[in-house]
Amino acid sequence: RYWRPPSPARKKTALTNPPPPPIIRMRTSFTYSQIEILETTFSAQQQISRLHAAQIASQFELPLECITSWFSNRRHLERKRERRRRATLQQRTKSASRTASRSGEAHTV
C-alpha cells in the first residue's frame, strides 16, 4: 500500500488521453403543478416504482433521474422532519415533568 510512481507507459496514455471534463448539470426547477403531482404520489407511496417514475418523467418531459432523486430527497426531508418532531416532543415532555416535579415539591414542603 505504498505509493509508487506510475509506469512510463501509463504516464504517456494519461498525457495523450486526458479525462473528459465533468458534466455540470443545471438544477431542475419543478413547476407548482409538477410538485403537486409529486407530493400526491409521495403521500400515497414514499417508494416509487421505476415504471411509475418513468411515467411521471415522460409526463414532465424530464430525465428519470430527476424524479428518482426528488423522491430520495423528499424521503430524506421526511425523516429529518420526523427527527425534529420527536426531539421537540421529548423536550416538551422533559420540561413538563420538571415543572410537575417542582410544583409537587412546593406542596410537600
C-alpha atoms as a PDB file:
ATOM      1  CA  ARG A   1       0.000   0.000   0.000  1.00  0.00           C
ATOM      2  CA  TYR A   2       2.917   2.283  -0.554  1.00  0.00           C
ATOM      3  CA  TRP A   3       2.815   4.990  -3.179  1.00  0.00           C
ATOM      4  CA  ARG A   4       4.819   4.301  -6.280  1.00  0.00           C
ATOM      5  CA  PRO A   5       5.179   6.428  -9.386  1.00  0.00           C
ATOM      6  CA  PRO A   6       3.133   5.426 -12.430  1.00  0.00           C
ATOM      7  CA  SER A   7       4.801   3.331 -15.056  1.00  0.00           C
ATOM      8  CA  PRO A   8       6.092   5.187 -18.144  1.00  0.00           C
ATOM      9  CA  ALA A   9       3.521   3.507 -20.408  1.00  0.00           C
ATOM     10  CA  ARG A  10       0.685   4.629 -18.180  1.00  0.00           C
ATOM     11  CA  LYS A  11       2.114   8.119 -17.937  1.00  0.00           C
ATOM     12  CA  LYS A  12       2.102   8.537 -21.743  1.00  0.00           C
ATOM     13  CA  THR A  13      -1.527   7.452 -22.118  1.00  0.00           C
ATOM     14  CA  ALA A  14      -2.596   9.779 -19.327  1.00  0.00           C
ATOM     15  CA  LEU A  15      -0.999  12.709 -21.132  1.00  0.00           C
ATOM     16  CA  THR A  16      -2.396  11.853 -24.559  1.00  0.00           C
ATOM     17  CA  ASN A  17      -5.900  10.931 -23.326  1.00  0.00           C
ATOM     18  CA  PRO A  18      -6.864  13.367 -20.567  1.00  0.00           C
ATOM     19  CA  PRO A  19     -10.071  12.555 -18.706  1.00  0.00           C
ATOM     20  CA  PRO A  20     -13.168  14.313 -20.001  1.00  0.00           C
ATOM     21  CA  PRO A  21     -14.260  17.393 -18.075  1.00  0.00           C
ATOM     22  CA  PRO A  22     -17.019  16.794 -15.527  1.00  0.00           C
ATOM     23  CA  ILE A  23     -20.548  17.384 -16.747  1.00  0.00           C
ATOM     24  CA  ILE A  24     -22.145  20.222 -14.855  1.00  0.00           C
ATOM     25  CA  ARG A  25     -25.898  19.805 -14.807  1.00  0.00           C
ATOM     26  CA  MET A  26     -28.299  22.627 -14.082  1.00  0.00           C
ATOM     27  CA  ARG A  27     -30.630  22.198 -11.134  1.00  0.00           C
ATOM     28  CA  THR A  28     -34.132  21.139 -12.170  1.00  0.00           C
ATOM     29  CA  SER A  29     -36.873  23.602 -11.308  1.00  0.00           C
ATOM     30  CA  PHE A  30     -40.257  21.962 -10.884  1.00  0.00           C
ATOM     31  CA  THR A  31     -43.466  23.875 -11.543  1.00  0.00           C
ATOM     32  CA  TYR A  32     -46.185  24.081  -8.890  1.00  0.00           C
ATOM     33  CA  SER A  33     -48.372  21.634 -10.797  1.00  0.00           C
ATOM     34  CA  GLN A  34     -45.481  19.167 -11.057  1.00  0.00           C
ATOM     35  CA  ILE A  35     -44.790  19.479  -7.329  1.00  0.00           C
ATOM     36  CA  GLU A  36     -48.474  18.857  -6.581  1.00  0.00           C
ATOM     37  CA  ILE A  37     -48.359  15.634  -8.609  1.00  0.00           C
ATOM     38  CA  LEU A  38     -45.108  14.553  -6.965  1.00  0.00           C
ATOM     39  CA  GLU A  39     -46.399  15.320  -3.452  1.00  0.00           C
ATOM     40  CA  THR A  40     -49.676  13.485  -4.107  1.00  0.00           C
ATOM     41  CA  THR A  41     -47.761  10.470  -5.365  1.00  0.00           C
ATOM     42  CA  PHE A  42     -45.385  10.670  -2.390  1.00  0.00           C
ATOM     43  CA  SER A  43     -48.235  10.792   0.114  1.00  0.00           C
ATOM     44  CA  ALA A  44     -49.649   7.617  -1.442  1.00  0.00           C
ATOM     45  CA  GLN A  45     -46.317   5.786  -1.542  1.00  0.00           C
ATOM     46  CA  GLN A  46     -42.911   7.015  -0.417  1.00  0.00           C
ATOM     47  CA  GLN A  47     -41.076   4.431  -2.534  1.00  0.00           C
ATOM     48  CA  ILE A  48     -41.899   4.866  -6.204  1.00  0.00           C
ATOM     49  CA  SER A  49     -41.535   2.023  -8.676  1.00  0.00           C
ATOM     50  CA  ARG A  50     -39.236   2.509 -11.623  1.00  0.00           C
ATOM     51  CA  LEU A  51     -42.162   2.138 -14.026  1.00  0.00           C
ATOM     52  CA  HIS A  52     -44.235   4.794 -12.240  1.00  0.00           C
ATOM     53  CA  ALA A  53     -41.202   7.110 -12.058  1.00  0.00           C
ATOM     54  CA  ALA A  54     -40.653   6.635 -15.795  1.00  0.00           C
ATOM     55  CA  GLN A  55     -44.300   7.504 -16.467  1.00  0.00           C
ATOM     56  CA  ILE A  56     -44.027  10.698 -14.423  1.00  0.00           C
ATOM     57  CA  ALA A  57     -40.707  11.561 -16.076  1.00  0.00           C
ATOM     58  CA  SER A  58     -42.216  11.226 -19.550  1.00  0.00           C
ATOM     59  CA  GLN A  59     -45.263  13.243 -18.458  1.00  0.00           C
ATOM     60  CA  PHE A  60     -42.981  16.044 -17.183  1.00  0.00           C
ATOM     61  CA  GLU A  61     -40.533  15.600 -20.091  1.00  0.00           C
ATOM     62  CA  LEU A  62     -37.650  15.241 -17.621  1.00  0.00           C
ATOM     63  CA  PRO A  63     -34.982  12.565 -17.140  1.00  0.00           C
ATOM     64  CA  LEU A  64     -35.860   9.628 -14.911  1.00  0.00           C
ATOM     65  CA  GLU A  65     -33.021  10.558 -12.541  1.00  0.00           C
ATOM     66  CA  CYS A  66     -34.751  13.862 -11.705  1.00  0.00           C
ATOM     67  CA  ILE A  67     -37.851  12.045 -10.481  1.00  0.00           C
ATOM     68  CA  THR A  68     -35.992   9.362  -8.555  1.00  0.00           C
ATOM     69  CA  SER A  69     -33.710  11.923  -6.901  1.00  0.00           C
ATOM     70  CA  TRP A  70     -36.738  14.077  -6.000  1.00  0.00           C
ATOM     71  CA  PHE A  71     -38.288  11.084  -4.215  1.00  0.00           C
ATOM     72  CA  SER A  72     -34.998  10.282  -2.490  1.00  0.00           C
ATOM     73  CA  ASN A  73     -34.596  13.891  -1.331  1.00  0.00           C
ATOM     74  CA  ARG A  74     -38.226  14.013  -0.191  1.00  0.00           C
ATOM     75  CA  ARG A  75     -37.783  10.827   1.899  1.00  0.00           C
ATOM     76  CA  HIS A  76     -34.703  12.358   3.480  1.00  0.00           C
ATOM     77  CA  LEU A  77     -36.637  15.540   4.267  1.00  0.00           C
ATOM     78  CA  GLU A  78     -39.456  13.490   5.801  1.00  0.00           C
ATOM     79  CA  ARG A  79     -37.004  11.622   8.071  1.00  0.00           C
ATOM     80  CA  LYS A  80     -35.417  14.923   9.083  1.00  0.00           C
ATOM     81  CA  ARG A  81     -38.796  16.430   9.961  1.00  0.00           C
ATOM     82  CA  GLU A  82     -39.726  13.316  11.955  1.00  0.00           C
ATOM     83  CA  ARG A  83     -36.489  13.551  13.973  1.00  0.00           C
ATOM     84  CA  ARG A  84     -37.248  17.212  14.736  1.00  0.00           C
ATOM     85  CA  ARG A  85     -40.812  16.356  15.813  1.00  0.00           C
ATOM     86  CA  ARG A  86     -39.517  13.658  18.155  1.00  0.00           C
ATOM     87  CA  ALA A  87     -36.856  15.960  19.622  1.00  0.00           C
ATOM     88  CA  THR A  88     -39.433  18.701  20.200  1.00  0.00           C
ATOM     89  CA  LEU A  89     -41.822  16.245  21.818  1.00  0.00           C
ATOM     90  CA  GLN A  90     -39.068  14.921  24.101  1.00  0.00           C
ATOM     91  CA  GLN A  91     -38.123  18.466  25.134  1.00  0.00           C
ATOM     92  CA  ARG A  92     -41.744  19.286  25.925  1.00  0.00           C
ATOM     93  CA  THR A  93     -42.125  16.064  27.908  1.00  0.00           C
ATOM     94  CA  LYS A  94     -38.952  16.784  29.894  1.00  0.00           C
ATOM     95  CA  SER A  95     -39.924  20.384  30.643  1.00  0.00           C
ATOM     96  CA  ALA A  96     -43.461  19.322  31.643  1.00  0.00           C
ATOM     97  CA  SER A  97     -42.115  16.668  34.004  1.00  0.00           C
ATOM     98  CA  ARG A  98     -39.669  19.176  35.544  1.00  0.00           C
ATOM     99  CA  THR A  99     -42.477  21.662  36.080  1.00  0.00           C
ATOM    100  CA  ALA A 100     -44.696  18.976  37.614  1.00  0.00           C
ATOM    101  CA  SER A 101     -41.931  17.773  39.928  1.00  0.00           C
ATOM    102  CA  ARG A 102     -41.154  21.342  41.054  1.00  0.00           C
ATOM    103  CA  SER A 103     -44.797  22.068  41.814  1.00  0.00           C
ATOM    104  CA  GLY A 104     -45.050  18.755  43.679  1.00  0.00           C
ATOM    105  CA  GLU A 105     -42.039  19.656  45.822  1.00  0.00           C
ATOM    106  CA  ALA A 106     -43.531  23.026  46.723  1.00  0.00           C
ATOM    107  CA  HIS A 107     -46.667  21.353  48.084  1.00  0.00           C
ATOM    108  CA  THR A 108     -44.752  18.859  50.212  1.00  0.00           C
ATOM    109  CA  VAL A 109     -42.549  21.444  51.890  1.00  0.00           C
END
